């Protein structure tokens, strides 16, 4: 049986956000066919999932490396650079789960001066995962196009793999966020007649996830004002604003702005309600089953285009019609399948008009809910995880990786000597021999040469010590028969 290791950056347990939920549910789906272990920071608890658990965070290099060496397949949303270099050389299969395009997300998270985060560093890290991966999985066809484009520009789509599979789905495929296989259930009320200010017969709009900086909580609040001005007894509930996360970690939030706006309008605690904590994963279904409409909104930007609003999937699990912003994969799905309404970002009037019939007309609500229930079985984890399951089951019989060979001719230019565009850690360069297809060592420098008469202060020990001149001459001879400039010779720089 194939031994599969999932590596999680966040703890598994009672309260989890999207990344940890995805690790746990994919591990559960794969565990029906393989021997599965999850490495996650402590304290972690996998509950009733049939998996083994190793408590290790991403900084526990020795512990993770030992675990990696004992498995056939490693699945991770992001591996640290040092571990990625080892994975590149070990006889294992690596699956990069890139359902969250972080290099675009950090554009929204960064301040306008860009000082707080580095989108370029995130992009290099993401492509580093792609360079080493045997399989890349993502959450939607839009994301797949994004990764194929990035990999193509970085030279990671080679002729051999293309001819083996012209669709390239054997190497980049879609594994969206899913729904639990079991139906949701609730034992007692948690909102109507229980939450302060919400009466038993009132209507509830539910925002089921966090309030992140790239989301637009103000538009639904404005829409709620419009709905209540028409005499409707309707409330907007934000299910959680205190995201569980690693110690010292931060996720940019706009919850404070949303709370201040609601308070300024006299709505906070009256018709707009915020859970200051985070609803445990196993308890969220009770809130979903009591809500009448699920809502989510975003701004019109790149993050939205390539996003996959994972917690909106909970609406579908509970049979909830949804009103969401258009422009992303979930908005397209809601509009195409009649699961509610998708409206233009920032249009609070249209948002209110989209909610009104789902609140006022029982037939309209029932029709949308029926279409949601018809779609839900196709989104279960056991269904959406099929590409990953099939890969893991067949991994031991798959041929060894044959990454593309980069051939540089003549004197390297600055661009060719920035020879690893895929990551900042030379992980991909450890996989590719550089200019020489016959040698086992890299022979092109991974940094642009310094100007004449200058010298770089230091270089990592793993950096190649010579670059290929592409023609015979003195120095170290590479596998192609061309010479390489040795350290200290003219034109050399570290």
Protein backbone atom coordinates (compact mmCIF):
# COMPACT_ATOMS: atom_id res chain seq x y z
CA UNK A 1 0.00 0.00 0.00
CA UNK A 2 1.30 3.45 -0.90
CA UNK A 3 2.59 5.45 2.06
CA UNK A 4 1.43 9.09 1.82
CA UNK A 5 2.61 11.98 4.02
CA UNK A 6 0.62 15.21 4.23
CA UNK A 7 2.50 18.19 5.67
CA UNK A 8 0.37 20.93 7.23
CA UNK A 9 1.53 24.40 8.23
CA UNK A 10 -1.35 24.74 10.72
CA UNK A 11 -2.55 22.49 13.57
CA UNK A 12 -5.42 20.06 13.09
CA UNK A 13 -8.09 20.10 15.72
CA UNK A 14 -11.36 21.54 16.87
CA UNK A 15 -10.91 25.03 15.40
CA UNK A 16 -9.40 25.13 11.92
CA UNK A 17 -9.23 27.55 9.00
CA UNK A 18 -9.21 26.58 5.32
CA UNK A 19 -5.62 25.27 4.95
CA UNK A 20 -5.88 22.82 7.87
CA UNK A 21 -9.41 21.77 6.87
CA UNK A 22 -8.16 20.92 3.38
CA UNK A 23 -5.25 18.85 4.71
CA UNK A 24 -7.51 16.87 7.05
CA UNK A 25 -10.25 16.19 4.50
CA UNK A 26 -7.89 15.27 1.65
CA UNK A 27 -5.96 13.00 4.02
CA UNK A 28 -9.23 11.35 5.01
CA UNK A 29 -10.16 10.79 1.35
CA UNK A 30 -6.75 9.35 0.44
CA UNK A 31 -6.71 7.18 3.58
CA UNK A 32 -9.50 5.04 2.10
CA UNK A 33 -6.92 3.74 -0.39
CA UNK A 34 -3.45 4.40 1.08
CA UNK A 35 -1.54 4.43 4.36
CA UNK A 36 -1.71 8.12 5.38
CA UNK A 37 0.26 10.15 7.91
CA UNK A 38 -0.17 13.87 8.61
CA UNK A 39 2.64 16.02 9.98
CA UNK A 40 1.17 19.11 11.65
CA UNK A 41 2.17 21.54 14.43
CA UNK A 42 1.10 20.59 17.91
CA UNK A 43 -1.19 20.36 19.60
CA UNK A 44 -3.06 18.54 16.81
CA UNK A 45 -5.96 16.09 16.85
CA UNK A 46 -7.18 14.23 13.75
CA UNK A 47 -10.40 13.13 15.41
CA UNK A 48 -11.90 10.00 13.85
CA UNK A 49 -9.87 10.27 10.62
CA UNK A 50 -8.07 6.95 9.89
CA UNK A 51 -4.62 8.51 9.77
CA UNK A 52 -1.42 8.62 11.80
CA UNK A 53 -0.28 11.93 13.23
CA UNK A 54 3.20 13.42 13.67
CA UNK A 55 3.47 16.69 15.59
CA UNK A 56 5.97 18.85 13.70
CA UNK A 57 5.91 22.39 12.41
CA UNK A 58 7.61 23.58 9.24
CA UNK A 59 10.73 24.57 11.18
CA UNK A 60 11.30 21.00 12.47
CA UNK A 61 13.58 20.07 9.60
CA UNK A 62 15.08 16.85 10.99
CA UNK A 63 11.71 15.48 12.07
CA UNK A 64 10.10 16.28 8.72
CA UNK A 65 13.02 14.92 6.70
CA UNK A 66 12.87 11.64 8.61
CA UNK A 67 9.13 11.44 7.90
CA UNK A 68 9.61 12.27 4.22
CA UNK A 69 12.19 9.49 3.81
CA UNK A 70 9.70 6.96 5.17
CA UNK A 71 6.96 7.65 2.59
CA UNK A 72 6.31 7.21 -1.12
CA UNK A 73 4.32 10.42 -1.69
CA UNK A 74 4.49 13.82 0.02
CA UNK A 75 1.58 16.27 -0.28
CA UNK A 76 2.03 19.86 0.91
CA UNK A 77 0.69 23.34 0.23
CA UNK A 78 4.21 24.69 0.75
CA UNK A 79 7.50 23.11 1.70
CA UNK A 80 10.29 25.15 3.34
CA UNK A 81 13.23 25.79 0.97
CA UNK A 82 15.68 23.51 2.77
CA UNK A 83 13.25 20.58 2.85
CA UNK A 84 12.27 21.22 -0.77
CA UNK A 85 15.89 20.75 -1.84
CA UNK A 86 15.99 17.32 -0.21
CA UNK A 87 12.62 16.31 -1.64
CA UNK A 88 13.96 17.21 -5.09
CA UNK A 89 16.71 14.59 -4.73
CA UNK A 90 14.90 11.81 -2.90
CA UNK A 91 13.15 8.92 -4.73
CA UNK A 92 9.69 10.05 -3.68
CA UNK A 93 6.76 11.72 -5.43
CA UNK A 94 5.83 15.27 -4.44
CA UNK A 95 2.35 16.76 -4.87
CA UNK A 96 2.19 20.57 -4.60
CA UNK A 97 -1.29 21.58 -3.44
CA UNK A 98 -1.45 25.15 -4.75
CA UNK A 99 -5.14 25.85 -4.17
CA UNK A 100 -4.22 29.25 -2.74
CA UNK A 101 -2.17 31.45 -5.15
CA UNK A 102 -0.31 33.23 -2.37
CA UNK A 103 1.72 35.48 -4.67
CA UNK A 104 -1.55 37.22 -5.67
CA UNK A 105 -3.03 37.17 -2.18
CA UNK A 106 -0.01 39.01 -0.77
CA UNK A 107 -0.60 41.84 -3.25
CA UNK A 108 -3.78 42.59 -1.30
CA UNK A 109 -2.16 41.89 2.05
CA UNK A 110 0.76 44.25 1.39
CA UNK A 111 0.58 47.91 2.25
CA UNK A 112 0.64 50.41 -0.58
CA UNK A 113 4.38 50.83 -0.09
CA UNK A 114 4.79 47.04 -0.41
CA UNK A 115 7.07 47.01 2.62
CA UNK A 116 5.23 44.38 4.66
CA UNK A 117 5.34 41.48 2.22
CA UNK A 118 7.18 40.39 -0.90
CA UNK A 119 4.98 39.28 -3.82
CA UNK A 120 8.10 38.44 -5.83
CA UNK A 121 9.38 36.17 -3.08
CA UNK A 122 5.98 34.47 -2.87
CA UNK A 123 5.94 33.97 -6.64
CA UNK A 124 9.40 32.41 -6.60
CA UNK A 125 8.39 30.16 -3.72
CA UNK A 126 5.28 29.00 -5.58
CA UNK A 127 7.21 28.25 -8.76
CA UNK A 128 9.82 26.47 -6.67
CA UNK A 129 7.09 24.05 -5.56
CA UNK A 130 6.03 23.62 -9.21
CA UNK A 131 9.60 22.91 -10.31
CA UNK A 132 10.02 20.04 -7.88
CA UNK A 133 6.46 18.65 -8.02
CA UNK A 134 5.44 15.49 -9.84
CA UNK A 135 1.84 16.73 -9.68
CA UNK A 136 0.42 20.20 -9.07
CA UNK A 137 -3.20 20.40 -7.91
CA UNK A 138 -5.30 23.56 -7.62
CA UNK A 139 -8.91 24.49 -6.90
CA UNK A 140 -10.37 25.60 -10.25
CA UNK A 141 -9.83 25.73 -13.99
CA UNK A 142 -8.95 29.42 -13.68
CA UNK A 143 -6.20 28.56 -11.23
CA UNK A 144 -5.02 25.76 -13.52
CA UNK A 145 -4.63 28.28 -16.35
CA UNK A 146 -2.67 30.52 -13.97
CA UNK A 147 -0.23 27.77 -13.00
CA UNK A 148 0.17 26.49 -16.56
CA UNK A 149 0.98 30.03 -17.70
CA UNK A 150 3.51 30.56 -14.94
CA UNK A 151 5.14 27.20 -15.50
CA UNK A 152 5.29 27.75 -19.25
CA UNK A 153 7.03 31.10 -18.87
CA UNK A 154 9.46 29.57 -16.38
CA UNK A 155 10.36 26.75 -18.75
CA UNK A 156 8.72 24.04 -16.64
CA UNK A 157 6.63 22.53 -19.45
CA UNK A 158 8.90 20.25 -21.45
CA UNK A 159 8.40 18.40 -24.72
CA UNK A 160 8.62 14.89 -23.25
CA UNK A 161 5.84 15.41 -20.71
CA UNK A 162 3.75 17.32 -23.21
CA UNK A 163 3.85 14.45 -25.72
CA UNK A 164 3.14 11.97 -22.94
CA UNK A 165 -0.02 13.92 -22.09
CA UNK A 166 -0.93 16.86 -24.40
CA UNK A 167 -3.65 17.95 -21.94
CA UNK A 168 -0.97 18.12 -19.19
CA UNK A 169 -3.58 16.98 -16.64
CA UNK A 170 -1.25 14.23 -15.51
CA UNK A 171 0.96 17.01 -14.16
CA UNK A 172 -1.43 19.90 -13.35
CA UNK A 173 -4.98 19.00 -12.34
CA UNK A 174 -7.97 20.39 -10.43
CA UNK A 175 -8.84 19.20 -6.92
CA UNK A 176 -11.26 21.81 -5.56
CA UNK A 177 -12.32 22.28 -1.97
CA UNK A 178 -15.02 19.77 -1.14
CA UNK A 179 -17.95 18.93 1.11
CA UNK A 180 -18.15 16.25 3.81
CA UNK A 181 -19.68 13.00 2.59
CA UNK A 182 -22.15 12.95 5.48
CA UNK A 183 -25.15 15.32 5.57
CA UNK A 184 -25.11 18.18 8.10
CA UNK A 185 -27.06 17.81 11.32
CA UNK A 186 -27.95 19.94 14.34
CA UNK A 187 -29.30 19.05 17.76
CA UNK A 188 -30.33 22.44 19.15
CA UNK A 189 -30.84 26.05 17.99
CA UNK A 190 -27.82 28.36 17.99
CA UNK A 191 -29.11 31.48 16.20
CA UNK A 192 -32.86 32.03 16.05
CA UNK A 193 -34.28 32.65 19.49
CA UNK A 194 -30.83 32.11 21.02
CA UNK A 195 -28.46 34.78 19.72
CA UNK A 196 -29.17 38.13 21.42
CA UNK A 197 -31.42 40.26 19.21
CA UNK A 198 -32.46 37.49 16.79
CA UNK A 199 -36.02 36.29 17.25
CA UNK A 200 -37.26 32.82 16.36
CA UNK A 201 -39.12 33.98 13.23
CA UNK A 202 -36.44 36.37 11.92
CA UNK A 203 -34.49 35.76 8.72
CA UNK A 204 -30.70 35.32 8.77
CA UNK A 205 -28.05 36.09 6.18
CA UNK A 206 -24.89 34.15 7.11
CA UNK A 207 -21.29 35.10 6.26
CA UNK A 208 -19.68 31.70 6.93
CA UNK A 209 -15.95 32.53 6.85
CA UNK A 210 -13.48 35.11 8.07
CA UNK A 211 -13.47 38.81 7.20
CA UNK A 212 -10.17 39.16 5.36
CA UNK A 213 -8.66 42.29 3.90
CA UNK A 214 -9.42 41.22 0.32
CA UNK A 215 -13.11 40.62 1.10
CA UNK A 216 -15.86 43.24 1.12
CA UNK A 217 -17.98 43.06 4.27
CA UNK A 218 -19.33 46.59 3.83
CA UNK A 219 -21.49 45.81 0.77
CA UNK A 220 -23.60 43.13 2.56
CA UNK A 221 -23.99 45.46 5.55
CA UNK A 222 -25.26 48.25 3.29
CA UNK A 223 -27.54 45.72 1.56
CA UNK A 224 -28.93 44.67 4.94
CA UNK A 225 -29.81 48.31 5.66
CA UNK A 226 -31.79 48.43 2.44
CA UNK A 227 -33.59 45.18 3.26
CA UNK A 228 -34.55 46.32 6.75
CA UNK A 229 -35.73 49.68 5.46
CA UNK A 230 -38.43 47.74 3.62
CA UNK A 231 -39.74 46.35 6.91
CA UNK A 232 -38.04 42.94 6.80
CA UNK A 233 -36.88 41.39 10.05
CA UNK A 234 -33.55 40.16 8.76
CA UNK A 235 -30.12 39.89 10.37
CA UNK A 236 -26.57 39.51 9.06
CA UNK A 237 -24.31 37.20 11.09
CA UNK A 238 -20.53 36.97 10.62
CA UNK A 239 -19.61 33.49 11.82
CA UNK A 240 -16.09 34.31 13.00
CA UNK A 241 -13.47 37.04 12.97
CA UNK A 242 -10.85 35.49 15.30
CA UNK A 243 -9.09 33.06 12.96
CA UNK A 244 -7.12 30.19 14.52
CA UNK A 245 -3.52 30.38 13.39
CA UNK A 246 0.05 29.59 14.28
CA UNK A 247 1.61 31.51 17.13
CA UNK A 248 3.01 34.73 15.75
CA UNK A 249 1.20 34.36 12.45
CA UNK A 250 -1.11 37.00 11.08
CA UNK A 251 -3.79 37.06 8.40
CA UNK A 252 -4.73 40.59 7.25
CA UNK A 253 -8.28 41.25 8.40
CA UNK A 254 -10.81 44.00 7.74
CA UNK A 255 -13.06 42.86 10.61
CA UNK A 256 -12.34 45.97 12.70
CA UNK A 257 -13.39 48.24 9.84
CA UNK A 258 -16.59 46.24 9.32
CA UNK A 259 -17.45 46.32 13.02
CA UNK A 260 -16.78 50.07 13.19
CA UNK A 261 -18.93 50.69 10.10
CA UNK A 262 -21.83 48.67 11.52
CA UNK A 263 -21.54 50.48 14.85
CA UNK A 264 -21.47 53.86 13.10
CA UNK A 265 -24.72 52.98 11.30
CA UNK A 266 -26.32 51.81 14.56
CA UNK A 267 -26.54 48.20 13.31
CA UNK A 268 -23.87 46.40 15.33
CA UNK A 269 -25.52 44.10 17.88
CA UNK A 270 -28.96 45.06 16.55
CA UNK A 271 -29.12 43.56 13.06
CA UNK A 272 -25.45 42.95 12.26
CA UNK A 273 -23.76 40.44 14.55
CA UNK A 274 -20.10 39.44 14.81
CA UNK A 275 -18.78 36.33 16.51
CA UNK A 276 -15.52 37.65 17.95
CA UNK A 277 -14.08 34.14 18.11
CA UNK A 278 -14.18 31.21 15.69
CA UNK A 279 -16.85 28.51 15.47
CA UNK A 280 -15.34 25.01 15.87
CA UNK A 281 -15.27 23.02 12.64
CA UNK A 282 -17.65 20.33 13.90
CA UNK A 283 -20.20 22.90 15.13
CA UNK A 284 -20.50 25.11 12.05
CA UNK A 285 -23.32 23.01 10.55
CA UNK A 286 -25.77 24.10 13.25
CA UNK A 287 -25.37 27.74 12.15
CA UNK A 288 -25.58 26.83 8.48
CA UNK A 289 -28.81 24.87 8.92
CA UNK A 290 -30.53 27.78 10.70
CA UNK A 291 -29.54 30.43 8.15
CA UNK A 292 -31.79 31.39 5.25
CA UNK A 293 -29.23 32.71 2.74
CA UNK A 294 -25.44 32.46 2.61
CA UNK A 295 -23.55 35.59 1.58
CA UNK A 296 -20.01 36.50 0.61
CA UNK A 297 -18.59 39.54 -1.19
CA UNK A 298 -15.27 40.69 -2.58
CA UNK A 299 -13.76 43.60 -4.45
CA UNK A 300 -12.97 43.67 -8.16
CA UNK A 301 -9.29 42.69 -8.25
CA UNK A 302 -6.88 39.93 -9.24
CA UNK A 303 -7.21 38.07 -5.95
CA UNK A 304 -10.92 37.59 -6.62
CA UNK A 305 -10.39 36.35 -10.18
CA UNK A 306 -8.14 33.47 -9.09
CA UNK A 307 -9.69 32.79 -5.68
CA UNK A 308 -11.79 29.86 -4.57
CA UNK A 309 -14.00 30.90 -1.63
CA UNK A 310 -13.69 27.72 0.35
CA UNK A 311 -16.20 28.47 3.08
CA UNK A 312 -18.94 29.22 0.53
CA UNK A 313 -18.85 25.46 -0.13
CA UNK A 314 -20.44 25.10 3.32
CA UNK A 315 -23.51 26.90 1.93
CA UNK A 316 -23.89 24.10 -0.62
CA UNK A 317 -23.41 21.41 2.04
CA UNK A 318 -26.33 22.83 4.03
CA UNK A 319 -28.53 23.41 0.96
CA UNK A 320 -28.34 27.20 1.35
CA UNK A 321 -29.00 29.52 -1.60
CA UNK A 322 -26.14 32.01 -1.94
CA UNK A 323 -25.75 35.66 -2.87
CA UNK A 324 -22.12 36.37 -3.74
CA UNK A 325 -19.97 38.74 -5.78
CA UNK A 326 -19.34 37.83 -9.39
CA UNK A 327 -15.97 37.44 -11.07
CA UNK A 328 -14.53 34.38 -9.31
CA UNK A 329 -15.03 30.64 -9.76
CA UNK A 330 -17.69 30.38 -7.05
CA UNK A 331 -19.62 33.35 -8.45
CA UNK A 332 -19.55 31.77 -11.91
CA UNK A 333 -20.83 28.48 -10.46
CA UNK A 334 -23.65 30.15 -8.50
CA UNK A 335 -24.79 32.07 -11.58
CA UNK A 336 -24.43 29.18 -14.04
CA UNK A 337 -26.24 26.58 -11.91
CA UNK A 338 -28.92 28.87 -10.44
CA UNK A 339 -27.73 28.39 -6.84
CA UNK A 340 -28.73 31.95 -5.93
CA UNK A 341 -27.37 35.15 -7.44
CA UNK A 342 -23.95 36.58 -8.29
CA UNK A 343 -23.86 40.39 -8.40
CA UNK A 344 -21.25 42.93 -9.47
CA UNK A 345 -18.66 43.69 -6.77
CA UNK A 346 -19.51 46.73 -4.63
CA UNK A 347 -23.16 47.05 -5.79
CA UNK A 348 -25.08 47.03 -2.51
CA UNK A 349 -28.39 47.89 -4.19
CA UNK A 350 -28.19 44.87 -6.50
CA UNK A 351 -27.00 42.75 -3.56
CA UNK A 352 -30.16 43.66 -1.65
CA UNK A 353 -32.34 43.01 -4.71
CA UNK A 354 -30.73 39.58 -5.09
CA UNK A 355 -31.42 38.68 -1.44
CA UNK A 356 -35.02 39.94 -1.39
CA UNK A 357 -36.77 37.15 -3.38
CA UNK A 358 -34.83 34.45 -1.53
CA UNK A 359 -36.08 35.93 1.75
CA UNK A 360 -39.64 36.83 0.66
CA UNK A 361 -40.65 34.12 -1.83
CA UNK A 362 -40.70 30.56 -0.41
CA UNK A 363 -40.91 29.10 -3.93
CA UNK A 364 -37.84 30.99 -5.17
CA UNK A 365 -35.92 29.91 -2.08
CA UNK A 366 -37.03 26.27 -2.45
CA UNK A 367 -36.07 26.17 -6.16
CA UNK A 368 -32.58 27.50 -5.48
CA UNK A 369 -32.14 25.16 -2.49
CA UNK A 370 -33.19 22.18 -4.64
CA UNK A 371 -30.56 22.99 -7.25
CA UNK A 372 -27.95 23.32 -4.51
CA UNK A 373 -28.84 19.88 -3.14
CA UNK A 374 -28.64 18.37 -6.63
CA UNK A 375 -25.13 19.75 -7.09
CA UNK A 376 -23.79 18.91 -3.63
CA UNK A 377 -23.00 15.18 -4.16
CA UNK A 378 -20.58 16.00 -6.99
CA UNK A 379 -18.62 18.28 -4.63
CA UNK A 380 -18.01 15.74 -1.86
CA UNK A 381 -14.40 15.22 -0.82
CA UNK A 382 -14.55 11.61 -1.99
CA UNK A 383 -15.41 12.85 -5.49
CA UNK A 384 -13.23 15.94 -5.90
CA UNK A 385 -10.14 14.17 -4.51
CA UNK A 386 -10.16 11.48 -7.24
CA UNK A 387 -7.17 12.88 -9.22
CA UNK A 388 -5.06 12.96 -6.05
CA UNK A 389 -6.21 9.51 -4.95
CA UNK A 390 -5.39 7.98 -8.34
CA UNK A 391 -1.96 9.61 -8.35
CA UNK A 392 -1.13 8.33 -4.87
CA UNK A 393 -2.31 4.80 -5.63
CA UNK A 394 -0.18 4.58 -8.78
CA UNK A 395 2.83 6.54 -7.49
CA UNK A 396 5.18 3.57 -6.83
CA UNK A 397 4.79 2.37 -10.43
CA UNK A 398 5.28 5.78 -12.01
CA UNK A 399 8.58 6.41 -13.82
CA UNK A 400 11.16 8.64 -12.18
CA UNK A 401 10.89 12.36 -12.84
CA UNK A 402 12.52 13.59 -16.02
CA UNK A 403 12.59 17.40 -15.70
CA UNK A 404 13.39 19.57 -18.72
CA UNK A 405 17.03 20.36 -19.49
CA UNK A 406 17.99 24.00 -19.87
CA UNK A 407 20.62 24.52 -22.54
CA UNK A 408 22.58 27.76 -22.49
CA UNK A 409 24.94 28.58 -25.36
CA UNK A 410 27.85 31.00 -25.36
CA UNK A 411 28.72 33.47 -22.67
CA UNK A 412 25.91 33.68 -20.15
CA UNK A 413 24.01 36.94 -19.97
CA UNK A 414 22.70 38.43 -16.78
CA UNK A 415 19.29 36.92 -17.49
CA UNK A 416 20.65 33.42 -18.14
CA UNK A 417 22.82 33.57 -15.07
CA UNK A 418 19.77 34.36 -12.99
CA UNK A 419 19.37 30.75 -13.84
CA UNK A 420 16.72 29.67 -11.41
CA UNK A 421 13.66 31.86 -12.04
CA UNK A 422 11.55 29.33 -10.19
CA UNK A 423 12.73 29.85 -6.65
CA UNK A 424 15.10 31.79 -4.47
CA UNK A 425 16.67 28.69 -2.95
CA UNK A 426 18.09 26.84 -5.97
CA UNK A 427 15.71 23.95 -5.30
CA UNK A 428 14.91 23.66 -8.98
CA UNK A 429 18.56 24.09 -9.91
CA UNK A 430 19.40 21.07 -7.80
CA UNK A 431 17.03 19.16 -10.03
CA UNK A 432 18.33 20.45 -13.37
CA UNK A 433 22.00 20.15 -14.39
CA UNK A 434 21.89 23.57 -16.04
CA UNK A 435 23.66 23.99 -19.36
CA UNK A 436 25.07 20.47 -19.56
CA UNK A 437 22.61 17.61 -20.10
CA UNK A 438 25.29 14.98 -19.41
CA UNK A 439 26.73 16.26 -16.15
CA UNK A 440 25.36 15.61 -12.71
CA UNK A 441 26.30 19.03 -11.37
CA UNK A 442 25.04 22.49 -12.16
CA UNK A 443 27.53 24.48 -14.25
CA UNK A 444 25.80 27.86 -14.58
CA UNK A 445 25.86 30.43 -11.80
CA UNK A 446 22.51 31.22 -10.25
CA UNK A 447 23.14 34.91 -9.74
CA UNK A 448 23.87 37.73 -12.23
CA UNK A 449 27.60 38.43 -12.48
CA UNK A 450 28.74 41.50 -10.62
CA UNK A 451 30.11 44.44 -12.54
CA UNK A 452 33.75 44.27 -13.51
CA UNK A 453 36.06 44.82 -10.54
CA UNK A 454 33.39 43.98 -7.96
CA UNK A 455 32.82 40.88 -5.95
CA UNK A 456 29.80 39.55 -4.14
CA UNK A 457 30.24 39.43 -0.39
CA UNK A 458 29.02 35.87 0.10
CA UNK A 459 27.19 33.02 -1.55
CA UNK A 460 25.36 29.96 -0.26
CA UNK A 461 27.44 26.83 -0.20
CA UNK A 462 24.96 25.11 -2.52
CA UNK A 463 25.52 27.65 -5.30
CA UNK A 464 27.37 26.26 -8.34
CA UNK A 465 31.03 27.19 -8.33
CA UNK A 466 31.48 27.75 -12.05
CA UNK A 467 29.47 28.73 -15.06
CA UNK A 468 29.59 27.11 -18.45
CA UNK A 469 31.32 29.09 -21.19
CA UNK A 470 29.84 26.92 -23.91
CA UNK A 471 33.23 26.53 -25.68
CA UNK A 472 36.47 24.63 -25.09
CA UNK A 473 39.18 26.23 -23.01
CA UNK A 474 41.06 26.09 -19.73
CA UNK A 475 39.30 25.44 -16.48
CA UNK A 476 36.99 22.68 -15.29
CA UNK A 477 35.48 20.69 -18.15
CA UNK A 478 31.76 20.08 -17.90
CA UNK A 479 29.88 17.06 -19.21
CA UNK A 480 29.33 18.71 -22.60
CA UNK A 481 33.04 19.10 -23.21
CA UNK A 482 32.98 22.86 -22.74
CA UNK A 483 35.10 24.64 -20.18
CA UNK A 484 33.86 26.40 -17.09
CA UNK A 485 35.44 29.43 -15.52
CA UNK A 486 36.98 28.65 -12.20
CA UNK A 487 36.72 30.92 -9.17
CA UNK A 488 39.20 33.77 -9.40
CA UNK A 489 39.47 33.69 -13.19
CA UNK A 490 38.51 36.64 -15.32
CA UNK A 491 34.77 37.09 -15.53
CA UNK A 492 34.16 35.12 -12.38
CA UNK A 493 32.00 36.40 -9.55
CA UNK A 494 30.38 34.69 -6.66
